[in-house]
C-alpha cells in the first residue's frame, strides 16, 4: 500500500500493516484447521463440521459487533484470529472423538527445524539470486527452498522411509 496506510505510532495512527500482522495468525490457524476439516469429511462427519462452522460464524459476527466499535479494523482482525482458534479447538476435539490419534511433538519439532532451515536458506539466497537472475530468481529460490526442506525432513528424521511406505 501507499505510505498513507502504514502505521505512524508517533502520531497514534494504526495502519493496515497492523491488521495484516494480526491476521497472519489466522492463516496459520486456518492451515491447521484444513487438516482436521478434511479428516472429518473423510470419516463422514460433515454434519458436525457444518455445526462447528455455523457456531463459529455466529461467534465471529457477535465478536465483530462488540470489538469493531471500540477497536475498528484491529478488533476485527483479533476477532478473526479468535474465531479461527475456536474452529481449531472444535474440529480437533471432534476429530479426536471419532478417530483416536496422537500428535507427535517430537516429529512436529523436527518439522519446525526443517522449516527454519529452509527459511534461513531462502532468506540468505533472496538478494543474491534475485539480483543475478531477475526473471527466474524467485523460481530458483522456491526450488532451492523446497529441496532444502525435503532433504532436511529426511535428515532430521521427521519423515522416514517407513512413513512414506505407509502413505503409499
N, C-alpha and C. Protein backbone atom coordinates (compact mmCIF):
# COMPACT_ATOMS: atom_id res chain seq x y z
N UNK A 1 0.83 -1.19 0.00
CA UNK A 1 0.00 0.00 0.00
C UNK A 1 0.87 1.24 0.00
N UNK A 2 0.24 2.35 -0.11
CA UNK A 2 0.98 3.61 -0.08
C UNK A 2 1.31 3.95 1.37
N UNK A 3 2.25 4.84 1.58
CA UNK A 3 2.61 5.23 2.95
C UNK A 3 1.45 5.82 3.75
N UNK A 4 0.39 6.25 3.07
CA UNK A 4 -0.76 6.80 3.77
C UNK A 4 -1.42 5.79 4.71
N UNK A 5 -1.26 4.50 4.41
CA UNK A 5 -1.94 3.46 5.18
C UNK A 5 -1.01 2.69 6.11
N UNK A 6 0.24 3.09 6.19
CA UNK A 6 1.20 2.43 7.06
C UNK A 6 1.19 3.14 8.41
N UNK A 7 1.31 2.36 9.47
CA UNK A 7 1.22 2.90 10.82
C UNK A 7 2.25 3.98 11.07
N UNK A 8 1.84 4.96 11.85
CA UNK A 8 2.72 6.01 12.35
C UNK A 8 2.42 6.11 13.84
N UNK A 9 3.12 5.31 14.63
CA UNK A 9 2.82 5.21 16.05
C UNK A 9 3.09 6.51 16.80
N UNK A 10 4.01 7.31 16.29
CA UNK A 10 4.30 8.59 16.95
C UNK A 10 3.07 9.50 16.94
N UNK A 11 2.27 9.39 15.87
CA UNK A 11 1.04 10.19 15.77
C UNK A 11 -0.18 9.43 16.28
N UNK A 12 0.03 8.20 16.75
CA UNK A 12 -1.10 7.40 17.22
C UNK A 12 -1.93 6.80 16.11
N UNK A 13 -1.35 6.69 14.91
CA UNK A 13 -2.09 6.16 13.77
C UNK A 13 -1.72 4.69 13.56
N UNK A 14 -2.75 3.84 13.57
CA UNK A 14 -2.56 2.42 13.30
C UNK A 14 -3.04 2.13 11.88
N UNK A 15 -2.12 1.71 11.04
CA UNK A 15 -2.43 1.47 9.64
C UNK A 15 -2.78 0.03 9.36
N UNK A 16 -2.97 -0.23 8.08
CA UNK A 16 -3.36 -1.57 7.65
C UNK A 16 -2.27 -2.60 7.92
N UNK A 17 -1.03 -2.15 8.08
CA UNK A 17 0.06 -3.09 8.38
C UNK A 17 -0.16 -3.79 9.71
N UNK A 18 -0.77 -3.11 10.67
CA UNK A 18 -1.06 -3.71 11.97
C UNK A 18 -2.09 -4.83 11.80
N UNK A 19 -3.14 -4.54 11.03
CA UNK A 19 -4.17 -5.56 10.80
C UNK A 19 -3.57 -6.78 10.10
N UNK A 20 -2.68 -6.55 9.15
CA UNK A 20 -2.05 -7.66 8.44
C UNK A 20 -1.21 -8.50 9.40
N UNK A 21 -0.48 -7.85 10.29
CA UNK A 21 0.34 -8.59 11.25
C UNK A 21 -0.53 -9.45 12.16
N UNK A 22 -1.69 -8.94 12.55
CA UNK A 22 -2.60 -9.71 13.40
C UNK A 22 -3.22 -10.85 12.60
N UNK A 23 -3.69 -10.55 11.42
CA UNK A 23 -4.43 -11.52 10.62
C UNK A 23 -3.55 -12.66 10.12
N UNK A 24 -2.24 -12.46 10.07
CA UNK A 24 -1.34 -13.53 9.65
C UNK A 24 -1.49 -14.77 10.52
N UNK A 25 -1.81 -14.57 11.80
CA UNK A 25 -2.01 -15.72 12.69
C UNK A 25 -3.20 -16.56 12.24
N UNK A 26 -4.20 -15.93 11.67
CA UNK A 26 -5.37 -16.70 11.21
C UNK A 26 -5.01 -17.59 10.03
N UNK A 27 -4.02 -17.21 9.23
CA UNK A 27 -3.58 -18.07 8.13
C UNK A 27 -2.95 -19.35 8.65
N UNK A 28 -2.16 -19.22 9.70
CA UNK A 28 -1.54 -20.41 10.30
C UNK A 28 -2.62 -21.30 10.90
N UNK A 29 -3.53 -20.70 11.66
CA UNK A 29 -4.60 -21.49 12.27
C UNK A 29 -5.50 -22.11 11.20
N UNK A 30 -5.79 -21.35 10.16
CA UNK A 30 -6.62 -21.88 9.07
C UNK A 30 -5.97 -23.06 8.37
N UNK A 31 -4.66 -23.01 8.24
CA UNK A 31 -3.94 -24.13 7.63
C UNK A 31 -4.07 -25.39 8.47
N UNK A 32 -4.00 -25.22 9.78
CA UNK A 32 -4.19 -26.37 10.67
C UNK A 32 -5.64 -26.85 10.64
N UNK A 33 -6.57 -25.91 10.56
CA UNK A 33 -7.99 -26.27 10.51
C UNK A 33 -8.30 -27.15 9.30
N UNK A 34 -7.66 -26.87 8.19
CA UNK A 34 -7.93 -27.63 6.96
C UNK A 34 -7.64 -29.11 7.18
N UNK A 35 -6.59 -29.41 7.90
CA UNK A 35 -6.24 -30.81 8.16
C UNK A 35 -7.40 -31.52 8.86
N UNK A 36 -7.91 -30.90 9.91
CA UNK A 36 -8.98 -31.54 10.67
C UNK A 36 -10.32 -31.46 9.94
N UNK A 37 -10.55 -30.41 9.16
CA UNK A 37 -11.77 -30.34 8.35
C UNK A 37 -11.84 -31.52 7.39
N UNK A 38 -10.74 -31.75 6.67
CA UNK A 38 -10.73 -32.86 5.71
C UNK A 38 -10.77 -34.21 6.42
N UNK A 39 -10.21 -34.27 7.61
CA UNK A 39 -10.30 -35.51 8.38
C UNK A 39 -11.75 -35.81 8.71
N UNK A 40 -12.49 -34.80 9.17
CA UNK A 40 -13.91 -35.00 9.48
C UNK A 40 -14.71 -35.37 8.23
N UNK A 41 -14.40 -34.76 7.11
CA UNK A 41 -15.08 -35.10 5.86
C UNK A 41 -14.77 -36.54 5.47
N UNK A 42 -13.50 -36.94 5.60
CA UNK A 42 -13.08 -38.29 5.20
C UNK A 42 -13.75 -39.37 6.04
N UNK A 43 -14.07 -39.07 7.30
CA UNK A 43 -14.71 -40.08 8.15
C UNK A 43 -16.23 -39.90 8.18
N UNK A 44 -16.75 -39.04 7.29
CA UNK A 44 -18.19 -38.91 7.14
C UNK A 44 -18.88 -38.08 8.21
N UNK A 45 -18.18 -37.14 8.80
CA UNK A 45 -18.77 -36.31 9.86
C UNK A 45 -18.98 -34.87 9.39
N UNK A 46 -19.51 -34.73 8.18
CA UNK A 46 -19.75 -33.40 7.62
C UNK A 46 -20.78 -32.63 8.44
N UNK A 47 -21.75 -33.32 9.01
CA UNK A 47 -22.79 -32.64 9.79
C UNK A 47 -22.17 -31.94 10.99
N UNK A 48 -21.25 -32.59 11.67
CA UNK A 48 -20.59 -31.96 12.81
C UNK A 48 -19.78 -30.75 12.35
N UNK A 49 -19.13 -30.89 11.20
CA UNK A 49 -18.34 -29.79 10.65
C UNK A 49 -19.24 -28.60 10.32
N UNK A 50 -20.41 -28.89 9.80
CA UNK A 50 -21.37 -27.82 9.49
C UNK A 50 -21.78 -27.08 10.76
N UNK A 51 -22.08 -27.81 11.83
CA UNK A 51 -22.45 -27.18 13.10
C UNK A 51 -21.31 -26.36 13.67
N UNK A 52 -20.10 -26.88 13.57
CA UNK A 52 -18.93 -26.14 14.08
C UNK A 52 -18.76 -24.83 13.32
N UNK A 53 -18.80 -24.92 11.99
CA UNK A 53 -18.62 -23.70 11.19
C UNK A 53 -19.75 -22.71 11.40
N UNK A 54 -20.97 -23.20 11.55
CA UNK A 54 -22.10 -22.31 11.82
C UNK A 54 -21.96 -21.60 13.16
N UNK A 55 -21.60 -22.36 14.18
CA UNK A 55 -21.42 -21.77 15.52
C UNK A 55 -20.29 -20.74 15.51
N UNK A 56 -19.23 -21.05 14.80
CA UNK A 56 -18.09 -20.13 14.76
C UNK A 56 -18.41 -18.88 13.93
N UNK A 57 -19.25 -19.02 12.92
CA UNK A 57 -19.67 -17.85 12.15
C UNK A 57 -20.49 -16.91 13.03
N UNK A 58 -21.36 -17.49 13.86
CA UNK A 58 -22.13 -16.68 14.80
C UNK A 58 -21.21 -16.02 15.81
N UNK A 59 -20.24 -16.78 16.33
CA UNK A 59 -19.25 -16.22 17.25
C UNK A 59 -18.52 -15.05 16.62
N UNK A 60 -18.11 -15.21 15.36
CA UNK A 60 -17.38 -14.14 14.67
C UNK A 60 -18.25 -12.91 14.50
N UNK A 61 -19.50 -13.10 14.15
CA UNK A 61 -20.42 -11.97 13.98
C UNK A 61 -20.59 -11.20 15.29
N UNK A 62 -20.84 -11.93 16.38
CA UNK A 62 -21.03 -11.29 17.68
C UNK A 62 -19.74 -10.61 18.13
N UNK A 63 -18.61 -11.29 17.96
CA UNK A 63 -17.34 -10.70 18.35
C UNK A 63 -17.06 -9.42 17.58
N UNK A 64 -17.35 -9.42 16.28
CA UNK A 64 -17.14 -8.22 15.48
C UNK A 64 -18.06 -7.09 15.91
N UNK A 65 -19.31 -7.41 16.23
CA UNK A 65 -20.24 -6.37 16.70
C UNK A 65 -19.77 -5.74 18.01
N UNK A 66 -19.05 -6.51 18.80
CA UNK A 66 -18.55 -6.00 20.07
C UNK A 66 -17.26 -5.20 19.89
N UNK A 67 -16.30 -5.74 19.14
CA UNK A 67 -14.97 -5.13 19.10
C UNK A 67 -14.78 -4.06 18.04
N UNK A 68 -15.51 -4.10 16.95
CA UNK A 68 -15.29 -3.11 15.89
C UNK A 68 -15.61 -1.69 16.36
N UNK A 69 -16.71 -1.47 17.09
CA UNK A 69 -16.94 -0.09 17.54
C UNK A 69 -15.84 0.46 18.44
N UNK A 70 -15.18 -0.41 19.20
CA UNK A 70 -14.13 0.05 20.11
C UNK A 70 -12.75 0.11 19.46
N UNK A 71 -12.44 -0.90 18.63
CA UNK A 71 -11.07 -1.03 18.13
C UNK A 71 -10.96 -1.00 16.61
N UNK A 72 -12.04 -0.88 15.91
CA UNK A 72 -12.02 -0.79 14.45
C UNK A 72 -11.49 -2.05 13.80
N UNK A 73 -10.72 -1.84 12.73
CA UNK A 73 -10.23 -2.99 11.95
C UNK A 73 -9.26 -3.86 12.75
N UNK A 74 -8.59 -3.28 13.74
CA UNK A 74 -7.71 -4.11 14.59
C UNK A 74 -8.54 -5.09 15.40
N UNK A 75 -9.69 -4.63 15.91
CA UNK A 75 -10.59 -5.52 16.63
C UNK A 75 -11.14 -6.62 15.74
N UNK A 76 -11.47 -6.26 14.50
CA UNK A 76 -11.97 -7.26 13.55
C UNK A 76 -10.89 -8.31 13.27
N UNK A 77 -9.65 -7.88 13.16
CA UNK A 77 -8.55 -8.82 12.93
C UNK A 77 -8.39 -9.77 14.12
N UNK A 78 -8.47 -9.24 15.32
CA UNK A 78 -8.36 -10.09 16.52
C UNK A 78 -9.54 -11.04 16.60
N UNK A 79 -10.74 -10.56 16.26
CA UNK A 79 -11.92 -11.43 16.27
C UNK A 79 -11.76 -12.57 15.27
N UNK A 80 -11.18 -12.28 14.13
CA UNK A 80 -10.95 -13.31 13.11
C UNK A 80 -9.98 -14.38 13.63
N UNK A 81 -8.92 -13.94 14.27
CA UNK A 81 -7.95 -14.89 14.84
C UNK A 81 -8.61 -15.73 15.93
N UNK A 82 -9.40 -15.09 16.79
CA UNK A 82 -10.10 -15.81 17.85
C UNK A 82 -11.07 -16.84 17.26
N UNK A 83 -11.74 -16.48 16.18
CA UNK A 83 -12.66 -17.40 15.52
C UNK A 83 -11.92 -18.60 14.95
N UNK A 84 -10.80 -18.35 14.30
CA UNK A 84 -10.00 -19.46 13.75
C UNK A 84 -9.50 -20.37 14.88
N UNK A 85 -9.14 -19.77 16.01
CA UNK A 85 -8.69 -20.58 17.15
C UNK A 85 -9.84 -21.44 17.67
N UNK A 86 -11.04 -20.86 17.76
CA UNK A 86 -12.21 -21.62 18.20
C UNK A 86 -12.50 -22.76 17.23
N UNK A 87 -12.44 -22.50 15.94
CA UNK A 87 -12.65 -23.55 14.94
C UNK A 87 -11.63 -24.66 15.16
N UNK A 88 -10.36 -24.29 15.35
CA UNK A 88 -9.31 -25.30 15.55
C UNK A 88 -9.60 -26.18 16.76
N UNK A 89 -9.95 -25.57 17.87
CA UNK A 89 -10.25 -26.35 19.08
C UNK A 89 -11.42 -27.29 18.83
N UNK A 90 -12.46 -26.80 18.19
CA UNK A 90 -13.65 -27.62 17.97
C UNK A 90 -13.43 -28.74 16.95
N UNK A 91 -12.76 -28.45 15.83
CA UNK A 91 -12.54 -29.51 14.84
C UNK A 91 -11.54 -30.54 15.36
N UNK A 92 -10.55 -30.09 16.13
CA UNK A 92 -9.58 -31.02 16.71
C UNK A 92 -10.27 -31.96 17.69
N UNK A 93 -11.05 -31.40 18.62
CA UNK A 93 -11.70 -32.26 19.62
C UNK A 93 -12.73 -33.17 18.97
N UNK A 94 -13.42 -32.70 17.95
CA UNK A 94 -14.39 -33.55 17.25
C UNK A 94 -13.68 -34.68 16.51
N UNK A 95 -12.59 -34.36 15.84
CA UNK A 95 -11.83 -35.40 15.14
C UNK A 95 -11.29 -36.43 16.13
N UNK A 96 -10.82 -35.96 17.27
CA UNK A 96 -10.29 -36.88 18.30
C UNK A 96 -11.37 -37.79 18.84
N UNK A 97 -12.60 -37.30 18.92
CA UNK A 97 -13.71 -38.10 19.44
C UNK A 97 -13.99 -39.30 18.53
N UNK A 98 -13.90 -39.10 17.22
CA UNK A 98 -14.26 -40.14 16.28
C UNK A 98 -13.07 -40.93 15.75
N UNK A 99 -11.89 -40.37 15.85
CA UNK A 99 -10.71 -41.00 15.27
C UNK A 99 -9.54 -40.79 16.23
N UNK A 100 -9.28 -41.77 17.07
CA UNK A 100 -8.18 -41.58 18.04
C UNK A 100 -6.83 -41.48 17.32
N UNK A 101 -6.10 -40.44 17.62
CA UNK A 101 -4.78 -40.23 17.05
C UNK A 101 -3.97 -39.43 18.05
N UNK A 102 -2.68 -39.40 17.85
CA UNK A 102 -1.83 -38.57 18.69
C UNK A 102 -0.93 -37.74 17.80
N UNK A 103 -0.63 -36.57 18.29
CA UNK A 103 0.27 -35.67 17.58
C UNK A 103 1.63 -35.77 18.25
N UNK A 104 2.63 -36.09 17.46
CA UNK A 104 3.97 -36.26 17.98
C UNK A 104 4.68 -34.90 18.07
N UNK A 105 4.92 -34.47 19.29
CA UNK A 105 5.66 -33.22 19.49
C UNK A 105 7.08 -33.37 18.95
N UNK A 106 7.64 -34.56 19.07
CA UNK A 106 8.98 -34.83 18.57
C UNK A 106 9.03 -34.62 17.05
N UNK A 107 8.07 -35.21 16.33
CA UNK A 107 8.06 -35.06 14.88
C UNK A 107 7.73 -33.62 14.48
N UNK A 108 6.84 -32.99 15.21
CA UNK A 108 6.49 -31.60 14.90
C UNK A 108 7.70 -30.68 15.09
N UNK A 109 8.49 -30.92 16.12
CA UNK A 109 9.67 -30.08 16.34
C UNK A 109 10.71 -30.32 15.24
N UNK A 110 10.83 -31.55 14.77
CA UNK A 110 11.75 -31.83 13.67
C UNK A 110 11.29 -31.15 12.38
N UNK A 111 9.99 -31.13 12.18
CA UNK A 111 9.44 -30.45 11.01
C UNK A 111 9.69 -28.95 11.12
N UNK A 112 9.54 -28.41 12.31
CA UNK A 112 9.81 -26.99 12.53
C UNK A 112 11.27 -26.66 12.26
N UNK A 113 12.17 -27.51 12.70
CA UNK A 113 13.60 -27.31 12.43
C UNK A 113 13.85 -27.30 10.92
N UNK A 114 13.20 -28.20 10.21
CA UNK A 114 13.35 -28.26 8.75
C UNK A 114 12.82 -26.98 8.11
N UNK A 115 11.68 -26.51 8.59
CA UNK A 115 11.10 -25.28 8.05
C UNK A 115 12.02 -24.08 8.33
N UNK A 116 12.60 -24.04 9.51
CA UNK A 116 13.52 -22.95 9.84
C UNK A 116 14.78 -23.00 8.97
N UNK A 117 15.27 -24.20 8.71
CA UNK A 117 16.44 -24.35 7.83
C UNK A 117 16.10 -23.85 6.43
N UNK A 118 14.94 -24.23 5.93
CA UNK A 118 14.52 -23.77 4.61
C UNK A 118 14.39 -22.25 4.60
N UNK A 119 13.73 -21.70 5.62
CA UNK A 119 13.55 -20.25 5.70
C UNK A 119 14.86 -19.50 5.73
N UNK A 120 15.83 -20.04 6.47
CA UNK A 120 17.15 -19.40 6.57
C UNK A 120 17.84 -19.39 5.21
N UNK A 121 17.83 -20.53 4.53
CA UNK A 121 18.49 -20.62 3.22
C UNK A 121 17.81 -19.68 2.22
N UNK A 122 16.48 -19.68 2.21
CA UNK A 122 15.74 -18.79 1.29
C UNK A 122 16.07 -17.34 1.59
N UNK A 123 16.11 -16.99 2.86
CA UNK A 123 16.42 -15.61 3.26
C UNK A 123 17.84 -15.23 2.83
N UNK A 124 18.79 -16.15 2.98
CA UNK A 124 20.18 -15.87 2.62
C UNK A 124 20.36 -15.74 1.09
N UNK A 125 19.60 -16.52 0.33
CA UNK A 125 19.74 -16.52 -1.12
C UNK A 125 18.89 -15.48 -1.83
N UNK A 126 17.95 -14.89 -1.11
CA UNK A 126 16.99 -13.98 -1.73
C UNK A 126 17.66 -12.87 -2.53
N UNK A 127 18.46 -12.05 -1.90
CA UNK A 127 19.05 -10.91 -2.59
C UNK A 127 20.04 -11.32 -3.68
N UNK A 128 20.96 -12.26 -3.41
CA UNK A 128 21.89 -12.63 -4.49
C UNK A 128 21.20 -13.23 -5.71
N UNK A 129 20.25 -14.13 -5.50
CA UNK A 129 19.60 -14.78 -6.64
C UNK A 129 18.67 -13.84 -7.38
N UNK A 130 17.95 -13.00 -6.65
CA UNK A 130 17.07 -12.05 -7.34
C UNK A 130 17.89 -11.03 -8.12
N UNK A 131 19.10 -10.72 -7.62
CA UNK A 131 19.96 -9.80 -8.34
C UNK A 131 20.57 -10.41 -9.59
N UNK A 132 20.98 -11.68 -9.50
CA UNK A 132 21.62 -12.34 -10.64
C UNK A 132 20.62 -12.82 -11.68
N UNK A 133 19.50 -13.30 -11.24
CA UNK A 133 18.51 -13.88 -12.15
C UNK A 133 17.18 -13.17 -11.97
N UNK A 134 17.10 -11.96 -12.48
CA UNK A 134 15.92 -11.12 -12.26
C UNK A 134 14.62 -11.83 -12.65
N UNK A 135 14.62 -12.49 -13.80
CA UNK A 135 13.38 -13.10 -14.28
C UNK A 135 13.04 -14.40 -13.58
N UNK A 136 14.04 -15.19 -13.26
CA UNK A 136 13.80 -16.52 -12.72
C UNK A 136 14.29 -16.68 -11.29
N UNK A 137 14.72 -15.60 -10.66
CA UNK A 137 15.26 -15.68 -9.31
C UNK A 137 14.28 -16.26 -8.30
N UNK A 138 13.03 -15.82 -8.36
CA UNK A 138 12.03 -16.32 -7.41
C UNK A 138 11.78 -17.81 -7.62
N UNK A 139 11.73 -18.24 -8.87
CA UNK A 139 11.53 -19.66 -9.16
C UNK A 139 12.69 -20.49 -8.63
N UNK A 140 13.90 -20.01 -8.82
CA UNK A 140 15.08 -20.73 -8.32
C UNK A 140 15.04 -20.80 -6.80
N UNK A 141 14.67 -19.70 -6.16
CA UNK A 141 14.60 -19.68 -4.70
C UNK A 141 13.57 -20.69 -4.20
N UNK A 142 12.42 -20.75 -4.85
CA UNK A 142 11.38 -21.71 -4.45
C UNK A 142 11.89 -23.14 -4.61
N UNK A 143 12.56 -23.43 -5.71
CA UNK A 143 13.06 -24.78 -5.95
C UNK A 143 14.15 -25.14 -4.93
N UNK A 144 15.06 -24.21 -4.66
CA UNK A 144 16.11 -24.47 -3.67
C UNK A 144 15.48 -24.66 -2.29
N UNK A 145 14.53 -23.80 -1.95
CA UNK A 145 13.85 -23.92 -0.66
C UNK A 145 13.15 -25.26 -0.50
N UNK A 146 12.45 -25.70 -1.54
CA UNK A 146 11.77 -27.00 -1.48
C UNK A 146 12.77 -28.13 -1.33
N UNK A 147 13.88 -28.03 -2.05
CA UNK A 147 14.92 -29.07 -1.93
C UNK A 147 15.53 -29.11 -0.54
N UNK A 148 15.85 -27.95 0.02
CA UNK A 148 16.41 -27.90 1.38
C UNK A 148 15.41 -28.47 2.38
N UNK A 149 14.13 -28.13 2.20
CA UNK A 149 13.11 -28.62 3.12
C UNK A 149 12.99 -30.15 3.04
N UNK A 150 12.96 -30.69 1.82
CA UNK A 150 12.84 -32.13 1.65
C UNK A 150 14.04 -32.86 2.25
N UNK A 151 15.24 -32.39 1.94
CA UNK A 151 16.44 -33.03 2.49
C UNK A 151 16.46 -32.92 4.01
N UNK A 152 16.08 -31.76 4.51
CA UNK A 152 16.07 -31.53 5.95
C UNK A 152 15.05 -32.42 6.66
N UNK A 153 13.90 -32.66 6.03
CA UNK A 153 12.91 -33.55 6.64
C UNK A 153 13.47 -34.96 6.83
N UNK A 154 14.23 -35.42 5.84
CA UNK A 154 14.85 -36.75 5.98
C UNK A 154 16.04 -36.71 6.94
N UNK A 155 16.82 -35.63 6.89
CA UNK A 155 17.99 -35.53 7.77
C UNK A 155 17.59 -35.49 9.25
N UNK A 156 16.50 -34.82 9.55
CA UNK A 156 16.05 -34.75 10.95
C UNK A 156 15.18 -35.94 11.33
N UNK A 157 14.89 -36.78 10.36
CA UNK A 157 14.02 -37.95 10.52
C UNK A 157 12.58 -37.57 10.87
N UNK A 158 12.17 -36.38 10.43
CA UNK A 158 10.76 -36.00 10.55
C UNK A 158 9.94 -36.87 9.60
N UNK A 159 10.55 -37.22 8.47
CA UNK A 159 9.94 -38.13 7.51
C UNK A 159 10.90 -39.30 7.34
N UNK A 160 10.35 -40.48 7.48
CA UNK A 160 11.17 -41.69 7.32
C UNK A 160 10.67 -42.48 6.12
N UNK A 161 11.45 -43.43 5.69
CA UNK A 161 11.04 -44.30 4.58
C UNK A 161 9.80 -45.08 4.96
N UNK A 162 9.72 -45.51 6.23
CA UNK A 162 8.53 -46.24 6.69
C UNK A 162 7.28 -45.38 6.60
N UNK A 163 7.40 -44.12 6.94
CA UNK A 163 6.27 -43.20 6.86
C UNK A 163 5.82 -43.04 5.41
N UNK A 164 6.76 -42.94 4.51
CA UNK A 164 6.42 -42.81 3.08
C UNK A 164 5.73 -44.08 2.59
N UNK A 165 6.22 -45.26 3.00
CA UNK A 165 5.58 -46.52 2.61
C UNK A 165 4.16 -46.60 3.15
N UNK A 166 3.95 -46.09 4.35
CA UNK A 166 2.63 -46.13 4.96
C UNK A 166 1.65 -45.23 4.18
N UNK A 167 2.12 -44.12 3.66
CA UNK A 167 1.28 -43.21 2.90
C UNK A 167 0.96 -43.76 1.52
N UNK A 168 1.91 -44.50 0.94
CA UNK A 168 1.71 -45.07 -0.40
C UNK A 168 0.58 -46.03 -0.32
